[in-house]
N, C-alpha and C. Protein backbone atom coordinates (compact mmCIF):
# COMPACT_ATOMS: atom_id res chain seq x y z
N MET A 1 0.90 -1.17 0.00
CA MET A 1 -0.01 0.01 0.06
C MET A 1 0.90 1.24 0.02
N ASP A 2 0.63 2.14 -0.83
CA ASP A 2 1.28 3.43 -1.00
C ASP A 2 0.84 4.38 0.22
N THR A 3 1.79 5.10 0.73
CA THR A 3 1.47 6.07 1.79
C THR A 3 2.03 7.41 1.50
N ILE A 4 1.54 8.43 2.14
CA ILE A 4 2.06 9.76 2.13
C ILE A 4 2.50 9.95 3.58
N THR A 5 3.79 10.34 3.77
CA THR A 5 4.25 10.50 5.09
C THR A 5 3.98 12.00 5.48
N ALA A 6 3.19 12.16 6.50
CA ALA A 6 2.83 13.60 6.91
C ALA A 6 3.94 14.12 7.78
N PRO A 7 4.31 15.38 7.50
CA PRO A 7 5.29 16.05 8.32
C PRO A 7 4.77 16.26 9.74
N PRO A 8 5.66 16.55 10.71
CA PRO A 8 5.12 16.81 12.09
C PRO A 8 4.42 18.12 12.14
N PHE A 9 3.48 18.22 13.10
CA PHE A 9 2.85 19.47 13.38
C PHE A 9 3.74 20.34 14.23
N PRO A 10 3.86 21.61 13.95
CA PRO A 10 4.66 22.57 14.77
C PRO A 10 4.31 22.42 16.21
N ARG A 11 5.33 22.30 17.10
CA ARG A 11 5.09 22.02 18.53
C ARG A 11 4.42 23.22 19.23
N GLU A 12 4.51 24.36 18.72
CA GLU A 12 3.98 25.56 19.42
C GLU A 12 2.54 25.82 19.27
N LEU A 13 1.91 24.97 18.36
CA LEU A 13 0.48 25.21 18.08
C LEU A 13 -0.45 24.70 19.20
N GLU A 14 -1.55 25.33 19.41
CA GLU A 14 -2.54 24.95 20.42
C GLU A 14 -3.38 23.84 19.91
N TRP A 15 -3.81 22.96 20.68
CA TRP A 15 -4.65 21.86 20.32
C TRP A 15 -5.96 21.99 21.11
N ILE A 16 -7.06 21.52 20.50
CA ILE A 16 -8.39 21.50 21.20
C ILE A 16 -8.88 20.11 21.11
N ASN A 17 -9.44 19.58 22.24
CA ASN A 17 -10.07 18.24 22.28
C ASN A 17 -8.98 17.12 22.47
N VAL A 18 -7.72 17.49 22.68
CA VAL A 18 -6.74 16.46 22.80
C VAL A 18 -5.48 17.07 23.19
N ALA A 19 -4.55 16.26 23.87
CA ALA A 19 -3.18 16.81 24.02
C ALA A 19 -2.45 16.82 22.71
N PRO A 20 -1.41 17.62 22.59
CA PRO A 20 -0.72 17.74 21.27
C PRO A 20 -0.46 16.34 20.66
N LEU A 21 -0.88 16.20 19.38
CA LEU A 21 -0.63 14.93 18.64
C LEU A 21 0.70 15.02 17.91
N ARG A 22 1.26 13.89 17.82
CA ARG A 22 2.51 13.74 17.02
C ARG A 22 2.21 12.75 15.90
N MET A 23 2.50 13.16 14.71
CA MET A 23 2.25 12.30 13.53
C MET A 23 3.07 10.98 13.54
N ASP A 24 4.29 11.00 14.17
CA ASP A 24 5.03 9.82 14.20
C ASP A 24 4.38 8.78 15.13
N GLN A 25 3.58 9.27 15.98
CA GLN A 25 2.79 8.28 16.87
C GLN A 25 1.47 7.81 16.20
N GLN A 26 1.24 8.26 14.95
CA GLN A 26 -0.01 7.81 14.30
C GLN A 26 0.38 6.72 13.20
N LEU A 27 1.59 6.32 13.13
CA LEU A 27 2.01 5.33 12.16
C LEU A 27 1.14 4.05 12.27
N GLY A 28 0.85 3.59 11.13
CA GLY A 28 0.07 2.38 11.08
C GLY A 28 -1.50 2.57 11.15
N ARG A 29 -1.91 3.75 11.22
CA ARG A 29 -3.36 3.99 11.20
C ARG A 29 -3.63 5.12 10.17
N PRO A 30 -4.80 5.03 9.57
CA PRO A 30 -5.15 6.14 8.53
C PRO A 30 -5.47 7.45 9.28
N VAL A 31 -5.01 8.54 8.73
CA VAL A 31 -5.27 9.80 9.30
C VAL A 31 -5.83 10.73 8.23
N LEU A 32 -6.93 11.27 8.61
CA LEU A 32 -7.64 12.27 7.67
C LEU A 32 -7.35 13.57 8.29
N ILE A 33 -6.61 14.44 7.53
CA ILE A 33 -6.31 15.86 7.98
C ILE A 33 -7.28 16.76 7.14
N GLU A 34 -8.06 17.40 7.88
CA GLU A 34 -9.01 18.41 7.22
C GLU A 34 -8.58 19.79 7.49
N PHE A 35 -8.31 20.56 6.47
CA PHE A 35 -8.10 22.02 6.69
C PHE A 35 -9.48 22.69 6.63
N TRP A 36 -9.73 23.53 7.64
CA TRP A 36 -11.09 24.15 7.65
C TRP A 36 -10.88 25.49 8.35
N ASP A 37 -12.07 26.23 8.28
CA ASP A 37 -12.16 27.57 8.90
C ASP A 37 -13.62 27.79 9.26
N PHE A 38 -13.92 28.07 10.42
CA PHE A 38 -15.32 28.19 10.89
C PHE A 38 -16.00 29.37 10.25
N CYS A 39 -15.29 30.22 9.57
CA CYS A 39 -15.84 31.40 8.93
C CYS A 39 -16.17 31.06 7.45
N ARG A 40 -15.81 29.92 6.96
CA ARG A 40 -16.00 29.56 5.52
C ARG A 40 -17.16 28.65 5.38
N PRO A 41 -18.10 28.99 4.52
CA PRO A 41 -19.30 28.22 4.33
C PRO A 41 -19.02 26.79 3.96
N ASN A 42 -18.00 26.61 3.05
CA ASN A 42 -17.70 25.23 2.62
C ASN A 42 -17.23 24.38 3.77
N SER A 43 -16.53 25.00 4.69
CA SER A 43 -16.08 24.19 5.83
C SER A 43 -17.24 23.79 6.71
N ILE A 44 -18.17 24.72 6.88
CA ILE A 44 -19.33 24.33 7.67
C ILE A 44 -20.25 23.28 6.95
N ARG A 45 -20.28 23.36 5.66
CA ARG A 45 -21.07 22.36 4.87
C ARG A 45 -20.49 20.97 4.99
N THR A 46 -19.13 20.86 5.04
CA THR A 46 -18.51 19.57 5.05
C THR A 46 -18.45 18.96 6.47
N LEU A 47 -18.62 19.85 7.48
CA LEU A 47 -18.53 19.43 8.89
C LEU A 47 -19.32 18.11 9.28
N PRO A 48 -20.66 18.10 8.81
CA PRO A 48 -21.37 16.84 9.17
C PRO A 48 -20.71 15.53 8.60
N TYR A 49 -20.18 15.63 7.36
CA TYR A 49 -19.57 14.49 6.76
C TYR A 49 -18.31 14.02 7.53
N VAL A 50 -17.40 14.98 7.84
CA VAL A 50 -16.19 14.72 8.55
C VAL A 50 -16.52 14.21 9.98
N ARG A 51 -17.48 14.81 10.65
CA ARG A 51 -18.01 14.34 11.95
C ARG A 51 -18.49 12.91 11.87
N GLY A 52 -19.19 12.62 10.83
CA GLY A 52 -19.70 11.34 10.64
C GLY A 52 -18.67 10.25 10.40
N TRP A 53 -17.59 10.58 9.60
CA TRP A 53 -16.45 9.66 9.35
C TRP A 53 -15.75 9.41 10.71
N HIS A 54 -15.62 10.42 11.49
CA HIS A 54 -14.98 10.26 12.76
C HIS A 54 -15.78 9.26 13.67
N GLU A 55 -17.09 9.57 13.71
CA GLU A 55 -17.94 8.74 14.59
C GLU A 55 -18.04 7.31 14.14
N ARG A 56 -18.04 7.14 12.77
CA ARG A 56 -18.34 5.89 12.24
C ARG A 56 -17.02 5.00 12.21
N TYR A 57 -15.84 5.58 11.97
CA TYR A 57 -14.57 4.86 11.81
C TYR A 57 -13.49 5.01 12.85
N ALA A 58 -13.72 5.88 13.86
CA ALA A 58 -12.67 5.99 14.89
C ALA A 58 -12.34 4.71 15.59
N ALA A 59 -13.45 3.90 15.88
CA ALA A 59 -13.18 2.56 16.51
C ALA A 59 -12.40 1.63 15.62
N ALA A 60 -12.43 1.82 14.37
CA ALA A 60 -11.69 1.04 13.43
C ALA A 60 -10.18 1.54 13.19
N GLY A 61 -9.96 2.70 13.80
CA GLY A 61 -8.55 3.23 13.75
C GLY A 61 -8.42 4.57 12.97
N LEU A 62 -9.45 5.06 12.33
CA LEU A 62 -9.28 6.30 11.63
C LEU A 62 -9.09 7.47 12.66
N ARG A 63 -8.08 8.26 12.35
CA ARG A 63 -7.83 9.45 13.21
C ARG A 63 -8.16 10.61 12.39
N VAL A 64 -9.15 11.43 12.76
CA VAL A 64 -9.47 12.69 12.08
C VAL A 64 -8.83 13.79 12.77
N VAL A 65 -8.17 14.64 12.12
CA VAL A 65 -7.47 15.88 12.70
C VAL A 65 -7.98 17.04 11.90
N GLY A 66 -8.56 18.08 12.56
CA GLY A 66 -8.99 19.29 11.90
C GLY A 66 -7.79 20.25 12.14
N VAL A 67 -7.42 20.89 11.06
CA VAL A 67 -6.41 22.02 11.03
C VAL A 67 -7.10 23.24 10.79
N HIS A 68 -7.36 24.04 11.86
CA HIS A 68 -8.21 25.25 11.66
C HIS A 68 -7.19 26.31 11.09
N SER A 69 -7.44 26.68 9.80
CA SER A 69 -6.57 27.58 9.08
C SER A 69 -7.39 28.75 8.68
N PRO A 70 -7.26 29.88 9.35
CA PRO A 70 -8.16 30.97 9.20
C PRO A 70 -7.97 31.66 7.91
N GLY A 71 -9.14 32.02 7.24
CA GLY A 71 -9.12 32.78 5.99
C GLY A 71 -9.54 34.31 6.24
N PHE A 72 -9.98 34.51 7.47
CA PHE A 72 -10.50 35.83 7.76
C PHE A 72 -10.06 36.21 9.18
N GLU A 73 -9.88 37.55 9.42
CA GLU A 73 -9.35 38.04 10.70
C GLU A 73 -10.12 37.51 11.96
N PRO A 74 -11.35 37.46 11.96
CA PRO A 74 -12.09 36.94 13.15
C PRO A 74 -11.77 35.49 13.49
N SER A 75 -11.50 34.68 12.53
CA SER A 75 -11.15 33.31 12.75
C SER A 75 -9.81 32.99 13.09
N ALA A 76 -8.95 34.03 13.17
CA ALA A 76 -7.50 33.86 13.55
C ALA A 76 -7.34 33.86 14.97
N ASP A 77 -8.37 34.20 15.84
CA ASP A 77 -8.25 34.22 17.23
C ASP A 77 -8.49 32.93 17.90
N ALA A 78 -7.56 32.32 18.65
CA ALA A 78 -7.69 31.03 19.26
C ALA A 78 -8.89 30.80 20.07
N ALA A 79 -9.19 31.88 20.83
CA ALA A 79 -10.48 31.81 21.73
C ALA A 79 -11.73 31.61 20.83
N ALA A 80 -11.74 32.32 19.75
CA ALA A 80 -12.84 32.17 18.76
C ALA A 80 -12.97 30.72 18.24
N VAL A 81 -11.78 30.12 17.93
CA VAL A 81 -11.74 28.79 17.41
C VAL A 81 -12.23 27.84 18.47
N ARG A 82 -11.77 27.99 19.73
CA ARG A 82 -12.26 27.13 20.79
C ARG A 82 -13.73 27.17 20.93
N GLU A 83 -14.31 28.41 20.93
CA GLU A 83 -15.79 28.61 21.03
C GLU A 83 -16.43 27.96 19.88
N ALA A 84 -15.90 28.13 18.66
CA ALA A 84 -16.63 27.55 17.43
C ALA A 84 -16.52 26.01 17.48
N VAL A 85 -15.48 25.42 17.98
CA VAL A 85 -15.32 23.96 18.16
C VAL A 85 -16.46 23.43 18.99
N ALA A 86 -16.62 24.23 20.16
CA ALA A 86 -17.64 23.75 21.09
C ALA A 86 -19.05 23.93 20.56
N ARG A 87 -19.27 25.13 19.92
CA ARG A 87 -20.56 25.46 19.45
C ARG A 87 -21.00 24.43 18.23
N LEU A 88 -20.00 24.08 17.42
CA LEU A 88 -20.35 23.23 16.30
C LEU A 88 -20.25 21.76 16.61
N GLY A 89 -19.86 21.48 17.78
CA GLY A 89 -19.82 20.05 18.29
C GLY A 89 -18.73 19.25 17.53
N VAL A 90 -17.62 19.84 17.33
CA VAL A 90 -16.47 19.11 16.66
C VAL A 90 -15.87 18.16 17.75
N PRO A 91 -15.99 16.85 17.53
CA PRO A 91 -15.59 15.90 18.57
C PRO A 91 -14.12 15.47 18.46
N TYR A 92 -13.46 15.72 17.32
CA TYR A 92 -12.10 15.21 17.00
C TYR A 92 -11.07 16.24 17.35
N PRO A 93 -9.86 15.87 17.37
CA PRO A 93 -8.75 16.88 17.67
C PRO A 93 -8.65 18.02 16.59
N VAL A 94 -8.42 19.21 17.02
CA VAL A 94 -8.31 20.33 16.20
C VAL A 94 -7.10 21.10 16.61
N VAL A 95 -6.17 21.40 15.66
CA VAL A 95 -5.02 22.19 15.92
C VAL A 95 -5.29 23.58 15.36
N VAL A 96 -5.01 24.60 16.24
CA VAL A 96 -5.25 26.03 15.84
C VAL A 96 -4.01 26.50 15.09
N ASP A 97 -4.10 26.76 13.70
CA ASP A 97 -3.06 27.15 12.89
C ASP A 97 -3.27 28.58 12.43
N SER A 98 -3.25 29.58 13.42
CA SER A 98 -3.58 30.90 13.13
C SER A 98 -2.60 31.53 12.19
N GLU A 99 -1.36 31.11 12.23
CA GLU A 99 -0.26 31.73 11.39
C GLU A 99 -0.12 30.90 10.00
N LEU A 100 -0.93 29.86 9.81
CA LEU A 100 -0.92 29.10 8.58
C LEU A 100 0.42 28.25 8.47
N ALA A 101 0.94 27.86 9.58
CA ALA A 101 2.27 27.20 9.64
C ALA A 101 2.14 25.78 8.98
N VAL A 102 1.01 25.10 9.29
CA VAL A 102 0.77 23.81 8.76
C VAL A 102 0.57 23.80 7.24
N ILE A 103 -0.13 24.69 6.73
CA ILE A 103 -0.30 24.89 5.29
C ILE A 103 1.04 25.21 4.59
N GLY A 104 1.82 25.92 5.35
CA GLY A 104 3.15 26.23 4.71
C GLY A 104 4.06 24.98 4.73
N ILE A 105 3.81 23.98 5.57
CA ILE A 105 4.60 22.79 5.53
C ILE A 105 4.05 21.80 4.54
N VAL A 106 2.74 21.70 4.54
CA VAL A 106 2.17 20.65 3.64
C VAL A 106 1.94 21.27 2.28
N SER A 107 2.57 20.69 1.29
CA SER A 107 2.37 21.13 -0.04
C SER A 107 1.31 20.40 -0.77
N THR A 108 0.17 21.23 -1.08
CA THR A 108 -0.88 20.58 -1.81
C THR A 108 -0.39 20.01 -3.17
N LEU A 109 0.61 20.60 -3.83
CA LEU A 109 1.17 20.10 -5.10
C LEU A 109 1.65 18.63 -4.87
N ASP A 110 2.33 18.42 -3.73
CA ASP A 110 2.83 17.02 -3.52
C ASP A 110 1.74 16.05 -3.43
N VAL A 111 0.63 16.42 -2.83
CA VAL A 111 -0.49 15.42 -2.67
C VAL A 111 -1.14 15.19 -4.04
N VAL A 112 -1.32 16.26 -4.82
CA VAL A 112 -1.89 16.15 -6.20
C VAL A 112 -0.93 15.30 -6.99
N ARG A 113 0.43 15.46 -6.95
CA ARG A 113 1.39 14.69 -7.72
C ARG A 113 1.22 13.19 -7.28
N TRP A 114 1.13 12.91 -6.01
CA TRP A 114 1.07 11.61 -5.48
C TRP A 114 -0.24 10.86 -6.13
N VAL A 115 -1.31 11.52 -6.06
CA VAL A 115 -2.60 11.01 -6.59
C VAL A 115 -2.50 10.79 -8.12
N ALA A 116 -1.95 11.77 -8.84
CA ALA A 116 -1.78 11.68 -10.24
C ALA A 116 -0.88 10.53 -10.62
N GLU A 117 0.26 10.37 -9.95
CA GLU A 117 1.20 9.28 -10.26
C GLU A 117 0.52 7.93 -10.13
N ARG A 118 -0.25 7.80 -8.96
CA ARG A 118 -0.95 6.57 -8.74
C ARG A 118 -2.01 6.22 -9.80
N ALA A 119 -2.52 7.30 -10.44
CA ALA A 119 -3.58 7.04 -11.46
C ALA A 119 -2.80 6.86 -12.78
N GLY A 120 -1.49 6.81 -12.83
CA GLY A 120 -0.81 6.58 -14.11
C GLY A 120 -0.41 7.75 -14.95
N TYR A 121 -0.57 8.95 -14.36
CA TYR A 121 -0.20 10.16 -15.10
C TYR A 121 1.22 10.58 -14.76
N SER A 122 1.88 11.13 -15.72
CA SER A 122 3.19 11.71 -15.51
C SER A 122 3.00 13.19 -15.05
N VAL A 123 3.73 13.45 -14.01
CA VAL A 123 3.56 14.89 -13.44
C VAL A 123 4.95 15.57 -13.49
């Protein structure tokens, strides 16, 4: 089975619903990392699906991690993120990435390249 090795989360980031997670401790289990922002309608629309995957598959080993990456000034405040996580009923771990450090580490192009190569395309 092919895998994508996730880089570590920056240690200084705040976590909600869990003690800080380390990706090297998640080896051997599937991890769904969802980038979201409580101010973005598309994030709110997908929340029931991601919550459902967490509820349905956590016992089978799936780890869902929300990376809150603000797109607007109000959602860059960690206290506002904590309130939104509670209000929206997000049950899985959320890392508060107010400075977009995780997005800076994770290259979307690498993920697209990995998917394309597995589909037989040259990138």
